[in-house]
């Protein structure tokens, strides 16, 4: 008895969802076995301890000083935890040949990257929630805290996607970690170079380096606009800033996943 086209399409959709769910759950299990949650909790405790110590040294504005230390420390530690978790997860799958076994199953490489990206997105979201706790301890306004936490989760999602792509390309943990850290530093600080270049008569005084600076600035997201500490310190929130953060996270996250898919498609597994 022949199956109808609708039945075949429904069956294929269910197979795709099962494959995605399998990759996502495997990614989360791998991260939990790698002590990801414990590292996130330890990072949150370290951020809280540093902020409390800094506040104890302040003569005035103890609340603002605590937030000024808790937010950036928690942000940096969260980025490191997510990047390491993503890179180690991919590198371990490549070393243990579990990636080869997954691709030997009826699963496309695009589907594997999508599932891995979703799993790392969940890791980024949970890490952002845990690392928001030391900031919550100092009692910022609910709107500012929500905006900061949401933008931190988006920033971690971008870092996770980039870490996935770099880990697939470089395959080894040390060079992949160095590349991700270089990407993050450039994405955080490239706006300073842009400001200096704009002051140089709209790039004309830079000579041949002017077009290079403009081109490189398009390759990196403006991570300095994410999780801004001044939001917690009373700077008014602007809806356009939050929208720009969300758009950048979507564009660069998808771009990183596309790069990971293209490199995985050309890869030859011995």
C-alpha atoms as a PDB file:
ATOM      1  CA  UNK A   1       0.000   0.000   0.000  1.00  0.00           C
ATOM      2  CA  UNK A   2       1.452   3.332  -1.079  1.00  0.00           C
ATOM      3  CA  UNK A   3       1.824   6.107   1.447  1.00  0.00           C
ATOM      4  CA  UNK A   4       0.402   9.502   0.621  1.00  0.00           C
ATOM      5  CA  UNK A   5       2.773  12.464   0.077  1.00  0.00           C
ATOM      6  CA  UNK A   6       1.442  14.070   3.253  1.00  0.00           C
ATOM      7  CA  UNK A   7       2.270  10.928   5.213  1.00  0.00           C
ATOM      8  CA  UNK A   8       5.802  10.799   3.811  1.00  0.00           C
ATOM      9  CA  UNK A   9       6.413  14.486   4.585  1.00  0.00           C
ATOM     10  CA  UNK A  10       5.085  14.046   8.130  1.00  0.00           C
ATOM     11  CA  UNK A  11       7.352  11.052   8.599  1.00  0.00           C
ATOM     12  CA  UNK A  12      10.391  12.966   7.333  1.00  0.00           C
ATOM     13  CA  UNK A  13       9.616  15.871   9.653  1.00  0.00           C
ATOM     14  CA  UNK A  14       9.394  13.508  12.604  1.00  0.00           C
ATOM     15  CA  UNK A  15      12.730  11.936  11.624  1.00  0.00           C
ATOM     16  CA  UNK A  16      14.334  15.377  11.440  1.00  0.00           C
ATOM     17  CA  UNK A  17      12.952  16.350  14.853  1.00  0.00           C
ATOM     18  CA  UNK A  18      14.172  13.077  16.379  1.00  0.00           C
ATOM     19  CA  UNK A  19      17.643  13.635  14.938  1.00  0.00           C
ATOM     20  CA  UNK A  20      17.737  17.221  16.208  1.00  0.00           C
ATOM     21  CA  UNK A  21      16.573  16.154  19.651  1.00  0.00           C
ATOM     22  CA  UNK A  22      19.232  13.447  19.761  1.00  0.00           C
ATOM     23  CA  UNK A  23      22.058  15.871  18.909  1.00  0.00           C
ATOM     24  CA  UNK A  24      20.798  18.486  21.371  1.00  0.00           C
ATOM     25  CA  UNK A  25      20.512  15.971  24.224  1.00  0.00           C
ATOM     26  CA  UNK A  26      23.935  14.500  23.431  1.00  0.00           C
ATOM     27  CA  UNK A  27      25.427  18.012  23.509  1.00  0.00           C
ATOM     28  CA  UNK A  28      23.863  18.721  26.893  1.00  0.00           C
ATOM     29  CA  UNK A  29      24.963  15.359  28.317  1.00  0.00           C
ATOM     30  CA  UNK A  30      28.508  15.958  27.097  1.00  0.00           C
ATOM     31  CA  UNK A  31      28.556  19.416  28.696  1.00  0.00           C
ATOM     32  CA  UNK A  32      27.201  18.097  31.993  1.00  0.00           C
ATOM     33  CA  UNK A  33      29.807  15.325  32.050  1.00  0.00           C
ATOM     34  CA  UNK A  34      32.414  18.031  31.429  1.00  0.00           C
ATOM     35  CA  UNK A  35      31.367  19.845  34.644  1.00  0.00           C
ATOM     36  CA  UNK A  36      29.871  22.761  32.733  1.00  0.00           C
ATOM     37  CA  UNK A  37      27.212  23.514  35.364  1.00  0.00           C
ATOM     38  CA  UNK A  38      29.739  23.368  38.197  1.00  0.00           C
ATOM     39  CA  UNK A  39      32.044  25.718  36.308  1.00  0.00           C
ATOM     40  CA  UNK A  40      29.147  28.145  35.810  1.00  0.00           C
ATOM     41  CA  UNK A  41      28.244  28.059  39.501  1.00  0.00           C
ATOM     42  CA  UNK A  42      31.902  28.514  40.469  1.00  0.00           C
ATOM     43  CA  UNK A  43      32.172  31.438  38.059  1.00  0.00           C
ATOM     44  CA  UNK A  44      29.104  33.079  39.569  1.00  0.00           C
ATOM     45  CA  UNK A  45      30.509  32.621  43.074  1.00  0.00           C
ATOM     46  CA  UNK A  46      33.849  34.105  42.010  1.00  0.00           C
ATOM     47  CA  UNK A  47      32.117  37.138  40.483  1.00  0.00           C
ATOM     48  CA  UNK A  48      30.041  37.619  43.628  1.00  0.00           C
ATOM     49  CA  UNK A  49      33.102  37.267  45.877  1.00  0.00           C
ATOM     50  CA  UNK A  50      35.146  39.788  43.889  1.00  0.00           C
ATOM     51  CA  UNK A  51      32.239  42.254  43.857  1.00  0.00           C
ATOM     52  CA  UNK A  52      31.631  41.901  47.610  1.00  0.00           C
ATOM     53  CA  UNK A  53      35.330  42.406  48.313  1.00  0.00           C
ATOM     54  CA  UNK A  54      35.437  45.503  46.097  1.00  0.00           C
ATOM     55  CA  UNK A  55      32.320  46.886  47.758  1.00  0.00           C
ATOM     56  CA  UNK A  56      33.865  46.418  51.202  1.00  0.00           C
ATOM     57  CA  UNK A  57      36.745  48.696  50.182  1.00  0.00           C
ATOM     58  CA  UNK A  58      34.477  51.514  48.986  1.00  0.00           C
ATOM     59  CA  UNK A  59      33.812  54.546  51.149  1.00  0.00           C
ATOM     60  CA  UNK A  60      30.779  55.654  49.137  1.00  0.00           C
ATOM     61  CA  UNK A  61      28.617  54.237  46.341  1.00  0.00           C
ATOM     62  CA  UNK A  62      29.049  50.682  47.583  1.00  0.00           C
ATOM     63  CA  UNK A  63      26.021  49.502  45.600  1.00  0.00           C
ATOM     64  CA  UNK A  64      27.252  50.964  42.294  1.00  0.00           C
ATOM     65  CA  UNK A  65      30.782  49.678  42.857  1.00  0.00           C
ATOM     66  CA  UNK A  66      29.474  46.183  43.532  1.00  0.00           C
ATOM     67  CA  UNK A  67      27.525  46.204  40.281  1.00  0.00           C
ATOM     68  CA  UNK A  68      30.494  47.678  38.398  1.00  0.00           C
ATOM     69  CA  UNK A  69      32.596  44.674  39.434  1.00  0.00           C
ATOM     70  CA  UNK A  70      29.979  41.894  39.444  1.00  0.00           C
ATOM     71  CA  UNK A  71      28.636  42.484  35.926  1.00  0.00           C
ATOM     72  CA  UNK A  72      31.876  42.548  33.869  1.00  0.00           C
ATOM     73  CA  UNK A  73      33.519  39.749  35.869  1.00  0.00           C
ATOM     74  CA  UNK A  74      30.459  37.519  35.486  1.00  0.00           C
ATOM     75  CA  UNK A  75      30.329  38.375  31.780  1.00  0.00           C
ATOM     76  CA  UNK A  76      33.965  37.461  31.095  1.00  0.00           C
ATOM     77  CA  UNK A  77      33.735  34.224  33.072  1.00  0.00           C
ATOM     78  CA  UNK A  78      30.518  33.262  31.269  1.00  0.00           C
ATOM     79  CA  UNK A  79      32.173  33.820  27.880  1.00  0.00           C
ATOM     80  CA  UNK A  80      35.147  31.650  28.864  1.00  0.00           C
ATOM     81  CA  UNK A  81      32.909  28.867  30.182  1.00  0.00           C
ATOM     82  CA  UNK A  82      30.715  28.745  27.077  1.00  0.00           C
ATOM     83  CA  UNK A  83      33.667  28.925  24.672  1.00  0.00           C
ATOM     84  CA  UNK A  84      35.558  26.147  26.468  1.00  0.00           C
ATOM     85  CA  UNK A  85      32.453  23.967  26.718  1.00  0.00           C
ATOM     86  CA  UNK A  86      31.729  24.301  22.999  1.00  0.00           C
ATOM     87  CA  UNK A  87      35.305  23.725  21.859  1.00  0.00           C
ATOM     88  CA  UNK A  88      35.943  20.755  24.145  1.00  0.00           C
ATOM     89  CA  UNK A  89      32.639  19.163  23.165  1.00  0.00           C
ATOM     90  CA  UNK A  90      33.370  19.332  19.424  1.00  0.00           C
ATOM     91  CA  UNK A  91      37.025  18.330  19.792  1.00  0.00           C
ATOM     92  CA  UNK A  92      36.114  15.332  21.943  1.00  0.00           C
ATOM     93  CA  UNK A  93      33.537  14.165  19.425  1.00  0.00           C
ATOM     94  CA  UNK A  94      36.122  14.420  16.665  1.00  0.00           C
ATOM     95  CA  UNK A  95      38.782  12.600  18.701  1.00  0.00           C
ATOM     96  CA  UNK A  96      36.447   9.819  19.894  1.00  0.00           C
ATOM     97  CA  UNK A  97      34.973   9.342  16.404  1.00  0.00           C
ATOM     98  CA  UNK A  98      31.463   9.891  17.762  1.00  0.00           C
ATOM     99  CA  UNK A  99      31.025  12.612  15.149  1.00  0.00           C
ATOM    100  CA  UNK A 100      31.876  10.095  12.450  1.00  0.00           C
ATOM    101  CA  UNK A 101      29.332   7.655  13.868  1.00  0.00           C
ATOM    102  CA  UNK A 102      26.677  10.378  13.970  1.00  0.00           C
ATOM    103  CA  UNK A 103      27.298  11.334  10.352  1.00  0.00           C
ATOM    104  CA  UNK A 104      27.258   7.659   9.325  1.00  0.00           C
ATOM    105  CA  UNK A 105      23.636   7.552  10.472  1.00  0.00           C
ATOM    106  CA  UNK A 106      20.896   8.938   8.172  1.00  0.00           C
ATOM    107  CA  UNK A 107      21.647  12.511   9.277  1.00  0.00           C
ATOM    108  CA  UNK A 108      22.929  15.353   7.142  1.00  0.00           C
ATOM    109  CA  UNK A 109      25.859  17.452   8.280  1.00  0.00           C
ATOM    110  CA  UNK A 110      23.638  20.532   8.170  1.00  0.00           C
ATOM    111  CA  UNK A 111      21.250  18.835  10.590  1.00  0.00           C
ATOM    112  CA  UNK A 112      24.115  17.922  12.926  1.00  0.00           C
ATOM    113  CA  UNK A 113      25.380  21.520  12.986  1.00  0.00           C
ATOM    114  CA  UNK A 114      21.842  22.796  13.613  1.00  0.00           C
ATOM    115  CA  UNK A 115      21.375  20.374  16.503  1.00  0.00           C
ATOM    116  CA  UNK A 116      24.774  21.208  17.931  1.00  0.00           C
ATOM    117  CA  UNK A 117      24.003  24.905  17.641  1.00  0.00           C
ATOM    118  CA  UNK A 118      20.687  24.466  19.453  1.00  0.00           C
ATOM    119  CA  UNK A 119      22.349  22.485  22.223  1.00  0.00           C
ATOM    120  CA  UNK A 120      25.035  25.115  22.656  1.00  0.00           C
ATOM    121  CA  UNK A 121      22.316  27.773  22.621  1.00  0.00           C
ATOM    122  CA  UNK A 122      20.682  26.065  25.604  1.00  0.00           C
ATOM    123  CA  UNK A 123      24.071  25.969  27.337  1.00  0.00           C
ATOM    124  CA  UNK A 124      24.519  29.685  26.647  1.00  0.00           C
ATOM    125  CA  UNK A 125      21.052  30.476  28.041  1.00  0.00           C
ATOM    126  CA  UNK A 126      21.564  28.488  31.251  1.00  0.00           C
ATOM    127  CA  UNK A 127      25.053  29.913  31.738  1.00  0.00           C
ATOM    128  CA  UNK A 128      23.695  33.440  31.347  1.00  0.00           C
ATOM    129  CA  UNK A 129      20.987  32.722  33.930  1.00  0.00           C
ATOM    130  CA  UNK A 130      23.520  31.372  36.436  1.00  0.00           C
ATOM    131  CA  UNK A 131      25.985  34.215  35.910  1.00  0.00           C
ATOM    132  CA  UNK A 132      23.194  36.764  36.343  1.00  0.00           C
ATOM    133  CA  UNK A 133      22.725  35.688  39.976  1.00  0.00           C
ATOM    134  CA  UNK A 134      25.685  37.671  41.389  1.00  0.00           C
ATOM    135  CA  UNK A 135      24.373  40.767  39.607  1.00  0.00           C
ATOM    136  CA  UNK A 136      20.899  40.121  41.023  1.00  0.00           C
ATOM    137  CA  UNK A 137      22.445  40.064  44.508  1.00  0.00           C
ATOM    138  CA  UNK A 138      23.154  43.804  44.250  1.00  0.00           C
ATOM    139  CA  UNK A 139      19.546  44.628  43.393  1.00  0.00           C
ATOM    140  CA  UNK A 140      19.530  46.561  40.107  1.00  0.00           C
ATOM    141  CA  UNK A 141      16.235  47.644  38.593  1.00  0.00           C
ATOM    142  CA  UNK A 142      14.217  44.743  37.119  1.00  0.00           C
ATOM    143  CA  UNK A 143      14.123  46.257  33.614  1.00  0.00           C
ATOM    144  CA  UNK A 144      17.876  46.863  33.543  1.00  0.00           C
ATOM    145  CA  UNK A 145      18.604  43.400  34.922  1.00  0.00           C
ATOM    146  CA  UNK A 146      16.342  41.757  32.335  1.00  0.00           C
ATOM    147  CA  UNK A 147      17.943  43.691  29.464  1.00  0.00           C
ATOM    148  CA  UNK A 148      21.439  42.887  30.705  1.00  0.00           C
ATOM    149  CA  UNK A 149      20.678  39.188  31.168  1.00  0.00           C
ATOM    150  CA  UNK A 150      18.968  38.881  27.772  1.00  0.00           C
ATOM    151  CA  UNK A 151      21.837  40.603  25.962  1.00  0.00           C
ATOM    152  CA  UNK A 152      24.328  38.416  27.845  1.00  0.00           C
ATOM    153  CA  UNK A 153      22.479  35.304  26.675  1.00  0.00           C
ATOM    154  CA  UNK A 154      22.603  36.596  23.083  1.00  0.00           C
ATOM    155  CA  UNK A 155      26.304  37.364  23.389  1.00  0.00           C
ATOM    156  CA  UNK A 156      26.987  33.867  24.731  1.00  0.00           C
ATOM    157  CA  UNK A 157      24.962  32.381  21.863  1.00  0.00           C
ATOM    158  CA  UNK A 158      27.195  34.224  19.370  1.00  0.00           C
ATOM    159  CA  UNK A 159      30.318  33.035  21.200  1.00  0.00           C
ATOM    160  CA  UNK A 160      28.995  29.455  21.207  1.00  0.00           C
ATOM    161  CA  UNK A 161      28.293  29.546  17.461  1.00  0.00           C
ATOM    162  CA  UNK A 162      31.704  31.011  16.670  1.00  0.00           C
ATOM    163  CA  UNK A 163      33.390  28.474  18.965  1.00  0.00           C
ATOM    164  CA  UNK A 164      31.571  25.657  17.173  1.00  0.00           C
ATOM    165  CA  UNK A 165      32.754  26.878  13.773  1.00  0.00           C
ATOM    166  CA  UNK A 166      36.340  27.435  14.895  1.00  0.00           C
ATOM    167  CA  UNK A 167      36.504  24.053  16.662  1.00  0.00           C
ATOM    168  CA  UNK A 168      35.364  22.310  13.470  1.00  0.00           C
ATOM    169  CA  UNK A 169      37.903  24.211  11.358  1.00  0.00           C
ATOM    170  CA  UNK A 170      40.935  23.906  13.661  1.00  0.00           C
ATOM    171  CA  UNK A 171      40.057  20.562  15.363  1.00  0.00           C
ATOM    172  CA  UNK A 172      42.603  21.095  18.180  1.00  0.00           C
ATOM    173  CA  UNK A 173      41.645  22.664  21.525  1.00  0.00           C
ATOM    174  CA  UNK A 174      44.584  25.102  22.165  1.00  0.00           C
ATOM    175  CA  UNK A 175      44.521  26.862  18.756  1.00  0.00           C
ATOM    176  CA  UNK A 176      40.724  26.924  18.792  1.00  0.00           C
ATOM    177  CA  UNK A 177      40.660  28.570  22.236  1.00  0.00           C
ATOM    178  CA  UNK A 178      43.246  31.147  21.123  1.00  0.00           C
ATOM    179  CA  UNK A 179      41.236  31.907  17.976  1.00  0.00           C
ATOM    180  CA  UNK A 180      37.987  32.351  19.898  1.00  0.00           C
ATOM    181  CA  UNK A 181      39.667  34.637  22.430  1.00  0.00           C
ATOM    182  CA  UNK A 182      41.181  36.688  19.595  1.00  0.00           C
ATOM    183  CA  UNK A 183      37.764  36.958  17.964  1.00  0.00           C
ATOM    184  CA  UNK A 184      36.189  38.074  21.223  1.00  0.00           C
ATOM    185  CA  UNK A 185      38.839  40.689  21.967  1.00  0.00           C
ATOM    186  CA  UNK A 186      38.558  42.128  18.466  1.00  0.00           C
ATOM    187  CA  UNK A 187      34.750  42.132  18.606  1.00  0.00           C
ATOM    188  CA  UNK A 188      34.856  43.913  21.959  1.00  0.00           C
ATOM    189  CA  UNK A 189      37.554  46.484  21.122  1.00  0.00           C
ATOM    190  CA  UNK A 190      37.399  47.012  17.366  1.00  0.00           C
ATOM    191  CA  UNK A 191      35.050  49.966  17.846  1.00  0.00           C
ATOM    192  CA  UNK A 192      37.944  51.850  19.455  1.00  0.00           C
ATOM    193  CA  UNK A 193      39.984  51.417  16.271  1.00  0.00           C
ATOM    194  CA  UNK A 194      36.982  52.577  14.255  1.00  0.00           C
ATOM    195  CA  UNK A 195      36.618  55.718  16.364  1.00  0.00           C
ATOM    196  CA  UNK A 196      40.302  56.533  15.931  1.00  0.00           C
ATOM    197  CA  UNK A 197      40.022  55.898  12.199  1.00  0.00           C
ATOM    198  CA  UNK A 198      36.971  58.139  11.886  1.00  0.00           C
ATOM    199  CA  UNK A 199      38.873  60.941  13.596  1.00  0.00           C
ATOM    200  CA  UNK A 200      41.598  60.550  10.951  1.00  0.00           C
ATOM    201  CA  UNK A 201      39.590  62.519   8.368  1.00  0.00           C
ATOM    202  CA  UNK A 202      37.194  59.681   7.575  1.00  0.00           C
ATOM    203  CA  UNK A 203      39.914  57.053   7.042  1.00  0.00           C
ATOM    204  CA  UNK A 204      41.804  59.163   4.472  1.00  0.00           C
ATOM    205  CA  UNK A 205      44.841  59.687   6.704  1.00  0.00           C
ATOM    206  CA  UNK A 206      45.212  55.950   7.222  1.00  0.00           C
ATOM    207  CA  UNK A 207      46.220  55.383   3.625  1.00  0.00           C
ATOM    208  CA  UNK A 208      45.955  51.756   2.462  1.00  0.00           C
ATOM    209  CA  UNK A 209      44.941  50.681   5.965  1.00  0.00           C
ATOM    210  CA  UNK A 210      41.677  52.619   5.755  1.00  0.00           C
ATOM    211  CA  UNK A 211      39.751  50.133   3.574  1.00  0.00           C
ATOM    212  CA  UNK A 212      41.181  47.273   5.633  1.00  0.00           C
ATOM    213  CA  UNK A 213      39.816  48.760   8.850  1.00  0.00           C
ATOM    214  CA  UNK A 214      36.413  49.302   7.251  1.00  0.00           C
ATOM    215  CA  UNK A 215      36.299  45.760   5.858  1.00  0.00           C
ATOM    216  CA  UNK A 216      37.411  44.108   9.096  1.00  0.00           C
ATOM    217  CA  UNK A 217      34.821  46.056  11.063  1.00  0.00           C
ATOM    218  CA  UNK A 218      32.088  44.405   8.997  1.00  0.00           C
ATOM    219  CA  UNK A 219      33.348  40.909   9.835  1.00  0.00           C
ATOM    220  CA  UNK A 220      32.948  41.255  13.587  1.00  0.00           C
ATOM    221  CA  UNK A 221      29.846  41.933  15.671  1.00  0.00           C
ATOM    222  CA  UNK A 222      29.802  44.892  18.034  1.00  0.00           C
ATOM    223  CA  UNK A 223      30.025  42.868  21.228  1.00  0.00           C
ATOM    224  CA  UNK A 224      30.755  46.059  23.149  1.00  0.00           C
ATOM    225  CA  UNK A 225      27.028  46.851  22.748  1.00  0.00           C
ATOM    226  CA  UNK A 226      26.015  43.634  24.543  1.00  0.00           C
ATOM    227  CA  UNK A 227      25.502  43.318  28.316  1.00  0.00           C
ATOM    228  CA  UNK A 228      26.459  46.905  29.060  1.00  0.00           C
ATOM    229  CA  UNK A 229      27.217  47.596  32.700  1.00  0.00           C
ATOM    230  CA  UNK A 230      25.928  51.165  32.464  1.00  0.00           C
ATOM    231  CA  UNK A 231      22.408  49.796  32.051  1.00  0.00           C
ATOM    232  CA  UNK A 232      22.658  48.407  35.570  1.00  0.00           C
ATOM    233  CA  UNK A 233      24.021  51.702  36.884  1.00  0.00           C
ATOM    234  CA  UNK A 234      21.043  53.772  35.773  1.00  0.00           C
ATOM    235  CA  UNK A 235      21.652  54.664  32.123  1.00  0.00           C
ATOM    236  CA  UNK A 236      18.259  54.732  30.373  1.00  0.00           C
ATOM    237  CA  UNK A 237      17.516  51.768  28.150  1.00  0.00           C
ATOM    238  CA  UNK A 238      17.010  52.499  24.455  1.00  0.00           C
ATOM    239  CA  UNK A 239      14.856  50.102  22.453  1.00  0.00           C
ATOM    240  CA  UNK A 240      16.971  50.586  19.330  1.00  0.00           C
ATOM    241  CA  UNK A 241      20.077  49.400  21.205  1.00  0.00           C
ATOM    242  CA  UNK A 242      18.333  46.207  22.284  1.00  0.00           C
ATOM    243  CA  UNK A 243      17.029  45.641  18.755  1.00  0.00           C
ATOM    244  CA  UNK A 244      20.527  46.105  17.297  1.00  0.00           C
ATOM    245  CA  UNK A 245      21.899  43.569  19.779  1.00  0.00           C
ATOM    246  CA  UNK A 246      19.237  41.024  18.812  1.00  0.00           C
ATOM    247  CA  UNK A 247      19.788  41.525  15.079  1.00  0.00           C
ATOM    248  CA  UNK A 248      23.554  41.209  15.396  1.00  0.00           C
ATOM    249  CA  UNK A 249      23.221  38.029  17.454  1.00  0.00           C
ATOM    250  CA  UNK A 250      20.904  36.500  14.851  1.00  0.00           C
ATOM    251  CA  UNK A 251      23.020  37.483  11.838  1.00  0.00           C
ATOM    252  CA  UNK A 252      26.434  36.527  13.199  1.00  0.00           C
ATOM    253  CA  UNK A 253      25.145  33.403  14.933  1.00  0.00           C
ATOM    254  CA  UNK A 254      23.629  32.098  11.693  1.00  0.00           C
ATOM    255  CA  UNK A 255      26.728  33.125   9.739  1.00  0.00           C
ATOM    256  CA  UNK A 256      28.960  31.151  12.109  1.00  0.00           C
ATOM    257  CA  UNK A 257      26.714  28.086  11.781  1.00  0.00           C
ATOM    258  CA  UNK A 258      26.874  28.383   7.976  1.00  0.00           C
ATOM    259  CA  UNK A 259      30.672  28.475   8.129  1.00  0.00           C
ATOM    260  CA  UNK A 260      30.646  25.402  10.375  1.00  0.00           C
ATOM    261  CA  UNK A 261      28.341  23.571   7.956  1.00  0.00           C
ATOM    262  CA  UNK A 262      30.450  24.406   4.894  1.00  0.00           C
ATOM    263  CA  UNK A 263      33.673  23.298   6.552  1.00  0.00           C
ATOM    264  CA  UNK A 264      32.082  20.105   7.858  1.00  0.00           C
ATOM    265  CA  UNK A 265      30.802  19.283   4.383  1.00  0.00           C
ATOM    266  CA  UNK A 266      34.260  19.539   2.851  1.00  0.00           C
ATOM    267  CA  UNK A 267      35.939  17.666   5.703  1.00  0.00           C
ATOM    268  CA  UNK A 268      37.227  14.165   5.054  1.00  0.00           C
ATOM    269  CA  UNK A 269      37.190  11.817   8.033  1.00  0.00           C
ATOM    270  CA  UNK A 270      39.847   9.139   7.968  1.00  0.00           C
END
